[in-house]
Amino acid sequence: MAAVDAAADLLLTAARLPDRDGLVDIAVVGDRIASNGPASVAARGAIDLGGRLVTPGLVESHIHLDKALLSDRVSTTAGTLEEAIRVTAQAKRSFTVDDVRGRARRVLDMAVRNGTTAVRSHVEVDPGVGLTGLEALLPVREEYAPALDLQLCAFAQEGIIRAPGTEGLLRRALQMGADLIGGCPYTDSDPIGHIRTVFALATAFGVDADFHVDFSDEPLHMHVREIADQTVRLGWQGRVVVGHVTELAAIPPFEQDTVVAELAAAGVAVVCLPATDLYLMGRGDDINIRRGLAPIRRLLAAGVPVALASNNIRNPFTPVGTADLALLTFLVAVAAHMGSPADLRALVDTITVHPARMLRLPDYGLVPGCRADLVVWECARAEDIPATLPARTLVLKRGRVTVEAEHRVVERWR
């Protein structure tokens, strides 16, 4: 524990930490945690947490702000991935900067209230929509900086090889200020060429790469192995993330172990998107309907960072959503059979520690010296988060309270 030489700006008293017994006092100086033990310092402001749990800020590692909240203008009948891609591509033709920006703000407002302090959003770039999404979201990144860190990933949903002009638009997006590059090889006519183009842009601009990959009930693609190979070949370990990877669950366990070991060796992280994956996968099954989730337990056991993320909010890919990451831990606790106290605590890491590593957030955590991006929960233990979906009473970003919530229930029936 670091000593606090001067008066703290804020003292959070009687707090509980996920990995420590008993109560602590968290002293914040400027935008940093100065100490997290028994405090004996003066503070300009103090808040008694009354034994409530404190975690680092939640990290949304994979969301699509540009195509969120489309349910009032797009309808589907089959409920398949192919249909969702097709009707959303049609809807994109009418996107405007103001339209995208307005829907993104609504989703970010929900995320901030739910305790999210960092977000990575994929922003579609292709000849149809052009750079509209990026033009809409670059100012939003600055607007929401007091409440969260927003990373923008220039994303080729419609392919690169089969959509001439996309590579140039991706390059332009990175020049405009996109933080990283994203690909989707299973939608392209040349998946391997797609992967190599994404890596070429990533290395040329010195940015991370984030792929949608292997999104099917059957192991039709398994492009993740090419991604792992390219990651090692180019020295991009720790800078590559893959999302969905539902096909990994469709191969025998011994083959899963081989692929998982390759991911671990390559430093490739995995994002599971449970609301979308549970909704879209298994559509062709009449009995024993598949859950369509990547093998989370096996990945975690092998040391692969795993995050849970929202993906889409109320559109053809996912008709529901509140941008509440805690809800995803609740879903996965049931869907992935992760109900023990240890499993539930591990699920909290999938919306905090692991996605923070994927976004390479500096100084993230609860120890002295970390940025004071914090969430205060209406519960006492980390495992209560997936189990009970507790309210968030305080959210801090860089040491400043950004959200303060009061919850009052009057049981008049008594």
Protein backbone atom coordinates (compact mmCIF):
# COMPACT_ATOMS: atom_id res chain seq x y z
CA MET A 1 0.00 0.00 0.00
CA ALA A 2 1.42 3.37 -0.99
CA ALA A 3 1.49 6.19 1.54
CA VAL A 4 -0.58 9.29 0.91
CA ASP A 5 1.63 12.31 1.52
CA ALA A 6 -1.06 14.94 1.12
CA ALA A 7 -4.76 15.15 1.76
CA ALA A 8 -6.79 12.90 -0.49
CA ASP A 9 -9.25 14.42 -2.89
CA LEU A 10 -11.75 11.69 -2.13
CA LEU A 11 -11.93 8.95 0.48
CA LEU A 12 -14.20 5.97 -0.04
CA THR A 13 -14.58 4.45 3.41
CA ALA A 14 -15.79 0.99 4.45
CA ALA A 15 -15.30 -0.54 1.02
CA ARG A 16 -14.93 -4.19 0.13
CA LEU A 17 -12.52 -5.40 -2.55
CA PRO A 18 -13.03 -8.59 -4.59
CA ASP A 19 -9.82 -10.26 -3.43
CA ARG A 20 -9.58 -9.09 0.17
CA ASP A 21 -11.38 -9.86 3.42
CA GLY A 22 -12.61 -7.06 5.64
CA LEU A 23 -13.20 -3.41 4.94
CA VAL A 24 -10.75 -0.92 3.46
CA ASP A 25 -10.65 2.79 2.77
CA ILE A 26 -9.77 3.83 -0.78
CA ALA A 27 -7.97 7.17 -1.01
CA VAL A 28 -8.04 8.96 -4.36
CA VAL A 29 -5.59 11.73 -5.22
CA GLY A 30 -6.20 13.36 -8.56
CA ASP A 31 -7.16 10.61 -10.98
CA ARG A 32 -5.30 7.83 -9.15
CA ILE A 33 -5.83 5.40 -6.32
CA ALA A 34 -3.33 6.47 -3.65
CA SER A 35 -4.06 3.78 -1.06
CA ASN A 36 -6.52 1.00 -0.35
CA GLY A 37 -6.15 0.10 3.30
CA PRO A 38 -6.97 1.65 6.66
CA ALA A 39 -6.83 5.38 5.99
CA SER A 40 -5.44 7.91 8.43
CA VAL A 41 -5.37 10.87 6.06
CA ALA A 42 -7.52 13.92 5.69
CA ALA A 43 -9.74 14.10 2.64
CA ARG A 44 -11.48 16.94 0.88
CA GLY A 45 -14.47 14.67 0.39
CA ALA A 46 -15.53 11.35 1.84
CA ILE A 47 -18.22 8.79 1.00
CA ASP A 48 -19.15 5.97 3.35
CA LEU A 49 -19.76 2.88 1.24
CA GLY A 50 -21.18 0.87 4.12
CA GLY A 51 -19.43 -2.37 3.20
CA ARG A 52 -20.34 -2.30 -0.48
CA LEU A 53 -18.17 -4.00 -3.11
CA VAL A 54 -15.84 -1.94 -5.31
CA THR A 55 -14.51 -3.20 -8.64
CA PRO A 56 -12.58 -1.52 -11.42
CA GLY A 57 -14.73 0.08 -14.09
CA LEU A 58 -16.45 -2.31 -16.47
CA VAL A 59 -14.93 -2.70 -19.94
CA GLU A 60 -17.10 -3.21 -23.03
CA SER A 61 -14.72 -4.87 -25.47
CA HIS A 62 -16.99 -5.41 -28.48
CA ILE A 63 -20.04 -3.35 -29.42
CA HIS A 64 -21.50 -1.86 -32.61
CA LEU A 65 -22.64 1.65 -31.80
CA ASP A 66 -23.23 2.53 -35.44
CA LYS A 67 -25.91 -0.12 -35.99
CA ALA A 68 -27.49 -0.21 -32.54
CA LEU A 69 -31.19 0.46 -31.91
CA LEU A 70 -32.47 -0.46 -35.35
CA SER A 71 -35.40 -2.60 -34.21
CA ASP A 72 -37.92 0.12 -35.01
CA ARG A 73 -36.84 0.28 -38.66
CA VAL A 74 -35.65 -3.25 -39.56
CA SER A 75 -37.61 -6.49 -39.17
CA THR A 76 -36.56 -10.10 -39.67
CA THR A 77 -38.41 -13.37 -40.20
CA ALA A 78 -35.79 -16.14 -40.25
CA GLY A 79 -33.66 -14.88 -37.38
CA THR A 80 -30.44 -16.14 -38.98
CA LEU A 81 -26.99 -14.58 -39.17
CA GLU A 82 -27.22 -14.37 -42.94
CA GLU A 83 -30.51 -12.49 -42.76
CA ALA A 84 -29.19 -10.13 -40.09
CA ILE A 85 -26.17 -9.25 -42.24
CA ARG A 86 -28.36 -8.72 -45.32
CA VAL A 87 -31.07 -6.52 -43.79
CA THR A 88 -28.58 -4.48 -41.81
CA ALA A 89 -26.55 -3.85 -44.96
CA GLN A 90 -29.71 -2.48 -46.53
CA ALA A 91 -30.43 -0.28 -43.50
CA LYS A 92 -26.89 1.15 -43.59
CA ARG A 93 -27.64 2.83 -46.90
CA SER A 94 -29.83 5.36 -45.09
CA PHE A 95 -27.44 6.04 -42.20
CA THR A 96 -26.50 9.66 -41.65
CA VAL A 97 -23.97 11.20 -39.32
CA ASP A 98 -26.70 12.60 -37.06
CA ASP A 99 -28.60 9.30 -37.04
CA VAL A 100 -25.55 7.23 -36.04
CA ARG A 101 -24.45 9.78 -33.46
CA GLY A 102 -27.87 9.94 -31.82
CA ARG A 103 -28.22 6.17 -31.47
CA ALA A 104 -24.64 5.83 -30.21
CA ARG A 105 -25.26 8.41 -27.49
CA ARG A 106 -28.32 6.53 -26.27
CA VAL A 107 -26.31 3.32 -25.93
CA LEU A 108 -23.33 5.01 -24.30
CA ASP A 109 -25.63 6.68 -21.78
CA MET A 110 -26.92 3.24 -20.79
CA ALA A 111 -23.39 1.87 -20.57
CA VAL A 112 -22.15 4.71 -18.36
CA ARG A 113 -25.06 4.33 -15.97
CA ASN A 114 -24.30 0.60 -15.74
CA GLY A 115 -20.70 1.20 -14.69
CA THR A 116 -18.84 0.95 -18.00
CA THR A 117 -15.73 3.15 -18.11
CA ALA A 118 -14.13 1.89 -21.34
CA VAL A 119 -15.64 0.79 -24.67
CA ARG A 120 -14.33 -0.61 -27.94
CA SER A 121 -16.81 -0.07 -30.78
CA HIS A 122 -16.57 -1.57 -34.24
CA VAL A 123 -17.45 0.98 -36.92
CA GLU A 124 -18.38 -0.38 -40.33
CA VAL A 125 -16.40 0.93 -43.29
CA ASP A 126 -17.32 -0.12 -46.83
CA PRO A 127 -18.27 1.42 -50.18
CA GLY A 128 -21.95 1.40 -49.21
CA VAL A 129 -21.78 3.35 -45.95
CA GLY A 130 -18.42 4.98 -46.60
CA LEU A 131 -16.94 6.68 -43.56
CA THR A 132 -20.28 7.91 -42.16
CA GLY A 133 -19.98 5.89 -38.95
CA LEU A 134 -16.49 7.09 -38.19
CA GLU A 135 -17.39 10.69 -38.97
CA ALA A 136 -20.28 10.36 -36.52
CA LEU A 137 -18.32 8.72 -33.71
CA LEU A 138 -15.01 10.58 -33.68
CA PRO A 139 -16.63 13.62 -31.96
CA VAL A 140 -18.55 11.28 -29.64
CA ARG A 141 -15.21 9.85 -28.48
CA GLU A 142 -14.24 13.31 -27.25
CA GLU A 143 -17.71 14.16 -25.94
CA TYR A 144 -17.83 11.10 -23.67
CA ALA A 145 -14.19 11.25 -22.53
CA PRO A 146 -15.15 12.50 -19.03
CA ALA A 147 -17.16 9.29 -18.52
CA LEU A 148 -15.40 6.61 -20.54
CA ASP A 149 -12.54 5.81 -22.90
CA LEU A 150 -13.92 5.02 -26.36
CA GLN A 151 -11.85 3.06 -28.88
CA LEU A 152 -13.05 3.02 -32.49
CA CYS A 153 -12.24 -0.01 -34.66
CA ALA A 154 -12.49 0.50 -38.43
CA PHE A 155 -14.34 -2.69 -39.36
CA ALA A 156 -14.83 -4.47 -42.70
CA GLN A 157 -18.14 -6.28 -42.15
CA GLU A 158 -18.91 -6.68 -45.85
CA GLY A 159 -15.53 -8.09 -46.82
CA ILE A 160 -12.43 -6.55 -48.36
CA ILE A 161 -11.55 -8.66 -51.40
CA ARG A 162 -15.14 -8.93 -52.61
CA ALA A 163 -15.83 -5.25 -51.95
CA PRO A 164 -13.30 -3.26 -53.99
CA GLY A 165 -12.51 0.08 -52.42
CA THR A 166 -12.84 -1.16 -48.86
CA GLU A 167 -9.11 -1.44 -48.25
CA GLY A 168 -8.63 2.20 -49.25
CA LEU A 169 -11.48 3.26 -46.97
CA LEU A 170 -9.98 1.33 -44.06
CA ARG A 171 -6.67 3.05 -44.66
CA ARG A 172 -8.45 6.41 -44.74
CA ALA A 173 -10.28 5.57 -41.51
CA LEU A 174 -6.99 4.89 -39.75
CA GLN A 175 -5.60 8.17 -41.06
CA MET A 176 -8.68 9.98 -39.70
CA GLY A 177 -8.11 8.64 -36.20
CA ALA A 178 -9.58 5.13 -35.88
CA ASP A 179 -7.76 3.37 -33.05
CA LEU A 180 -7.45 -0.06 -34.62
CA ILE A 181 -8.48 -2.27 -37.54
CA GLY A 182 -11.13 -4.99 -37.66
CA GLY A 183 -11.93 -7.81 -40.05
CA CYS A 184 -14.59 -10.43 -40.78
CA PRO A 185 -13.10 -13.16 -42.95
CA TYR A 186 -16.17 -15.41 -43.06
CA THR A 187 -18.08 -12.83 -45.14
CA ASP A 188 -15.35 -12.46 -47.77
CA SER A 189 -14.68 -14.32 -51.00
CA ASP A 190 -11.03 -14.78 -50.01
CA PRO A 191 -10.91 -15.20 -46.22
CA ILE A 192 -7.15 -15.73 -46.03
CA GLY A 193 -6.50 -12.70 -48.21
CA HIS A 194 -8.88 -10.75 -45.96
CA ILE A 195 -6.94 -11.75 -42.84
CA ARG A 196 -3.61 -10.86 -44.41
CA THR A 197 -4.91 -7.47 -45.56
CA VAL A 198 -6.09 -6.64 -42.06
CA PHE A 199 -2.72 -7.60 -40.63
CA ALA A 200 -0.93 -5.59 -43.32
CA LEU A 201 -2.90 -2.50 -42.30
CA ALA A 202 -2.37 -3.21 -38.60
CA THR A 203 1.38 -3.48 -38.96
CA ALA A 204 1.64 -0.54 -41.36
CA PHE A 205 -0.19 1.76 -38.95
CA GLY A 206 1.09 0.14 -35.75
CA VAL A 207 -2.40 -0.64 -34.43
CA ASP A 208 -4.13 -3.66 -32.91
CA ALA A 209 -6.37 -6.04 -34.89
CA ASP A 210 -9.80 -7.31 -33.86
CA PHE A 211 -11.58 -9.99 -35.90
CA HIS A 212 -15.10 -11.39 -36.08
CA VAL A 213 -14.29 -15.00 -36.84
CA ASP A 214 -15.69 -18.54 -37.12
CA PHE A 215 -19.31 -17.63 -36.44
CA SER A 216 -21.27 -20.77 -37.30
CA ASP A 217 -22.76 -23.87 -35.70
CA GLU A 218 -20.38 -26.13 -37.63
CA PRO A 219 -16.58 -25.89 -38.04
CA LEU A 220 -16.91 -24.50 -41.57
CA HIS A 221 -14.03 -22.06 -41.43
CA MET A 222 -11.69 -22.24 -38.42
CA HIS A 223 -9.93 -19.13 -39.67
CA VAL A 224 -8.79 -18.51 -36.12
CA ARG A 225 -5.81 -20.77 -36.75
CA GLU A 226 -4.63 -18.57 -39.62
CA ILE A 227 -5.07 -15.54 -37.37
CA ALA A 228 -2.97 -17.14 -34.63
CA ASP A 229 -0.30 -18.07 -37.18
CA GLN A 230 -0.16 -14.55 -38.63
CA THR A 231 -0.05 -13.06 -35.14
CA VAL A 232 3.10 -14.99 -34.30
CA ARG A 233 4.69 -14.50 -37.70
CA LEU A 234 4.29 -10.72 -37.50
CA GLY A 235 5.14 -10.41 -33.81
CA TRP A 236 1.69 -9.05 -32.95
CA GLN A 237 1.23 -11.13 -29.78
CA GLY A 238 -0.99 -9.43 -27.22
CA ARG A 239 -2.43 -7.15 -29.88
CA VAL A 240 -5.02 -9.41 -31.52
CA VAL A 241 -8.57 -10.18 -30.41
CA VAL A 242 -11.09 -12.56 -31.97
CA GLY A 243 -14.83 -12.42 -31.40
CA HIS A 244 -17.55 -15.10 -31.55
CA VAL A 245 -15.42 -18.21 -32.36
CA THR A 246 -18.51 -20.36 -31.88
CA GLU A 247 -17.14 -22.97 -34.28
CA LEU A 248 -14.52 -23.86 -31.70
CA ALA A 249 -17.26 -25.48 -29.62
CA ALA A 250 -18.24 -27.70 -32.56
CA ILE A 251 -15.02 -29.72 -32.75
CA PRO A 252 -14.00 -32.62 -30.48
CA PRO A 253 -12.35 -31.73 -27.16
CA PHE A 254 -8.88 -32.90 -28.19
CA GLU A 255 -9.04 -30.65 -31.26
CA GLN A 256 -10.30 -27.79 -29.12
CA ASP A 257 -7.25 -28.24 -26.91
CA THR A 258 -4.95 -27.93 -29.91
CA VAL A 259 -6.55 -24.71 -31.16
CA VAL A 260 -6.80 -23.22 -27.67
CA ALA A 261 -3.10 -23.94 -27.13
CA GLU A 262 -2.32 -22.14 -30.39
CA LEU A 263 -4.33 -19.11 -29.23
CA ALA A 264 -2.59 -19.09 -25.87
CA ALA A 265 0.86 -19.35 -27.48
CA ALA A 266 0.02 -16.53 -29.90
CA GLY A 267 -1.34 -14.25 -27.18
CA VAL A 268 -4.69 -14.01 -28.97
CA ALA A 269 -7.64 -13.08 -26.76
CA VAL A 270 -11.27 -14.19 -27.24
CA VAL A 271 -14.48 -12.20 -26.87
CA CYS A 272 -17.66 -14.19 -26.30
CA LEU A 273 -20.87 -12.38 -27.30
CA PRO A 274 -23.49 -14.39 -25.43
CA ALA A 275 -26.67 -12.47 -26.23
CA THR A 276 -26.00 -12.56 -29.97
CA ASP A 277 -24.49 -16.03 -30.06
CA LEU A 278 -27.32 -17.61 -28.05
CA TYR A 279 -29.87 -15.87 -30.25
CA LEU A 280 -28.43 -16.68 -33.69
CA MET A 281 -26.76 -20.06 -33.24
CA GLY A 282 -28.63 -23.35 -33.23
CA ARG A 283 -31.33 -22.03 -35.56
CA GLY A 284 -31.28 -25.22 -37.61
CA ASP A 285 -31.52 -27.58 -34.64
CA ASP A 286 -34.86 -29.22 -33.89
CA ILE A 287 -33.72 -31.16 -30.82
CA ASN A 288 -30.84 -30.63 -28.39
CA ILE A 289 -30.48 -27.06 -29.64
CA ARG A 290 -26.88 -25.91 -29.41
CA ARG A 291 -26.01 -23.00 -27.16
CA GLY A 292 -23.57 -21.56 -29.65
CA LEU A 293 -20.96 -20.26 -27.22
CA ALA A 294 -17.20 -20.50 -27.44
CA PRO A 295 -15.76 -22.96 -24.86
CA ILE A 296 -15.19 -20.33 -22.19
CA ARG A 297 -14.10 -22.65 -19.39
CA ARG A 298 -11.54 -24.42 -21.59
CA LEU A 299 -10.14 -21.10 -22.84
CA LEU A 300 -9.81 -19.66 -19.34
CA ALA A 301 -8.18 -22.84 -18.05
CA ALA A 302 -5.53 -22.54 -20.78
CA GLY A 303 -4.76 -18.94 -19.84
CA VAL A 304 -6.49 -17.32 -22.82
CA PRO A 305 -8.02 -13.97 -21.84
CA VAL A 306 -11.79 -14.16 -22.33
CA ALA A 307 -14.20 -11.23 -22.29
CA LEU A 308 -17.97 -11.05 -22.42
CA ALA A 309 -19.36 -8.21 -24.52
CA SER A 310 -22.66 -6.84 -25.78
CA ASN A 311 -22.00 -6.91 -29.54
CA ASN A 312 -25.34 -5.56 -30.76
CA ILE A 313 -28.11 -3.72 -28.94
CA ARG A 314 -31.64 -4.15 -30.30
CA ASN A 315 -31.09 -4.87 -33.95
CA PRO A 316 -31.42 -7.94 -36.21
CA PHE A 317 -28.35 -9.57 -34.66
CA THR A 318 -29.63 -9.16 -31.09
CA PRO A 319 -33.21 -7.94 -30.50
CA VAL A 320 -32.60 -7.17 -26.82
CA GLY A 321 -30.02 -5.31 -24.80
CA THR A 322 -29.37 -2.66 -22.17
CA ALA A 323 -25.58 -2.29 -22.46
CA ASP A 324 -25.29 -3.85 -19.00
CA LEU A 325 -22.25 -6.11 -18.90
CA ALA A 326 -23.29 -7.64 -15.59
CA LEU A 327 -26.31 -9.16 -17.32
CA LEU A 328 -23.96 -11.05 -19.64
CA THR A 329 -22.24 -12.72 -16.69
CA PHE A 330 -25.69 -13.82 -15.49
CA LEU A 331 -26.42 -15.32 -18.93
CA VAL A 332 -23.12 -17.15 -19.16
CA ALA A 333 -23.29 -18.48 -15.61
CA VAL A 334 -26.34 -20.42 -16.76
CA ALA A 335 -25.48 -21.12 -20.40
CA ALA A 336 -21.88 -22.21 -19.76
CA HIS A 337 -22.55 -24.05 -16.49
CA MET A 338 -20.40 -21.66 -14.50
CA GLY A 339 -22.25 -21.51 -11.20
CA SER A 340 -19.68 -22.23 -8.49
CA PRO A 341 -18.39 -19.28 -6.44
CA ALA A 342 -15.03 -19.56 -8.20
CA ASP A 343 -16.71 -19.61 -11.62
CA LEU A 344 -18.85 -16.61 -10.76
CA ARG A 345 -15.78 -14.65 -9.65
CA ALA A 346 -14.05 -15.65 -12.89
CA LEU A 347 -17.00 -14.26 -14.83
CA VAL A 348 -16.53 -10.88 -13.15
CA ASP A 349 -13.00 -10.89 -14.56
CA THR A 350 -14.49 -11.31 -18.06
CA ILE A 351 -16.07 -7.84 -17.83
CA THR A 352 -13.18 -6.17 -16.01
CA VAL A 353 -9.64 -7.55 -15.97
CA HIS A 354 -9.60 -9.53 -19.23
CA PRO A 355 -11.21 -6.92 -21.51
CA ALA A 356 -9.00 -4.23 -19.98
CA ARG A 357 -6.03 -6.31 -21.07
CA MET A 358 -7.50 -6.64 -24.58
CA LEU A 359 -7.97 -2.89 -24.89
CA ARG A 360 -4.50 -2.45 -23.36
CA LEU A 361 -5.81 0.05 -20.86
CA PRO A 362 -2.94 1.56 -18.86
CA ASP A 363 -2.88 1.41 -15.06
CA TYR A 364 -6.12 -0.53 -14.75
CA GLY A 365 -7.11 -2.12 -11.46
CA LEU A 366 -7.55 -1.49 -7.75
CA VAL A 367 -4.01 -1.21 -6.45
CA PRO A 368 -2.31 2.10 -5.60
CA GLY A 369 -1.17 3.89 -8.73
CA CYS A 370 -4.05 2.65 -10.86
CA ARG A 371 -6.47 5.08 -12.39
CA ALA A 372 -9.50 5.59 -10.19
CA ASP A 373 -12.04 4.13 -12.62
CA LEU A 374 -14.33 2.42 -10.13
CA VAL A 375 -17.78 0.93 -9.66
CA VAL A 376 -19.55 0.60 -6.31
CA TRP A 377 -22.07 -2.25 -6.17
CA GLU A 378 -25.04 -2.87 -3.92
CA CYS A 379 -23.53 -6.15 -2.74
CA ALA A 380 -20.62 -7.45 -0.69
CA ARG A 381 -18.95 -10.16 -2.80
CA ALA A 382 -17.76 -10.41 -6.39
CA GLU A 383 -19.76 -13.59 -6.98
CA ASP A 384 -22.93 -11.64 -6.14
CA ILE A 385 -22.58 -9.67 -9.39
CA PRO A 386 -23.52 -12.53 -11.76
CA ALA A 387 -25.78 -14.14 -9.18
CA THR A 388 -27.97 -11.15 -8.27
CA LEU A 389 -27.31 -8.33 -10.79
CA PRO A 390 -26.92 -5.76 -8.02
CA ALA A 391 -27.50 -2.05 -8.54
CA ARG A 392 -24.58 0.26 -9.09
CA THR A 393 -24.60 3.08 -6.55
CA LEU A 394 -21.50 5.02 -7.65
CA VAL A 395 -19.33 5.15 -10.75
CA LEU A 396 -16.01 7.01 -10.85
CA LYS A 397 -13.95 7.94 -13.89
CA ARG A 398 -10.43 9.24 -13.30
CA GLY A 399 -11.25 9.92 -9.67
CA ARG A 400 -14.41 11.91 -10.29
CA VAL A 401 -17.91 10.66 -9.53
CA THR A 402 -19.71 10.37 -12.87
CA VAL A 403 -22.84 8.51 -11.76
CA GLU A 404 -24.56 8.53 -8.39
CA ALA A 405 -27.68 6.39 -8.09
CA GLU A 406 -30.24 6.19 -5.32
CA HIS A 407 -32.50 3.17 -5.01
CA ARG A 408 -35.55 3.34 -2.80
CA VAL A 409 -38.15 0.62 -2.41
CA VAL A 410 -41.25 1.03 -0.27
CA GLU A 411 -42.94 -2.29 0.47
CA ARG A 412 -46.43 -0.92 1.03
CA TRP A 413 -47.97 -4.38 1.15
CA ARG A 414 -46.31 -4.95 4.53
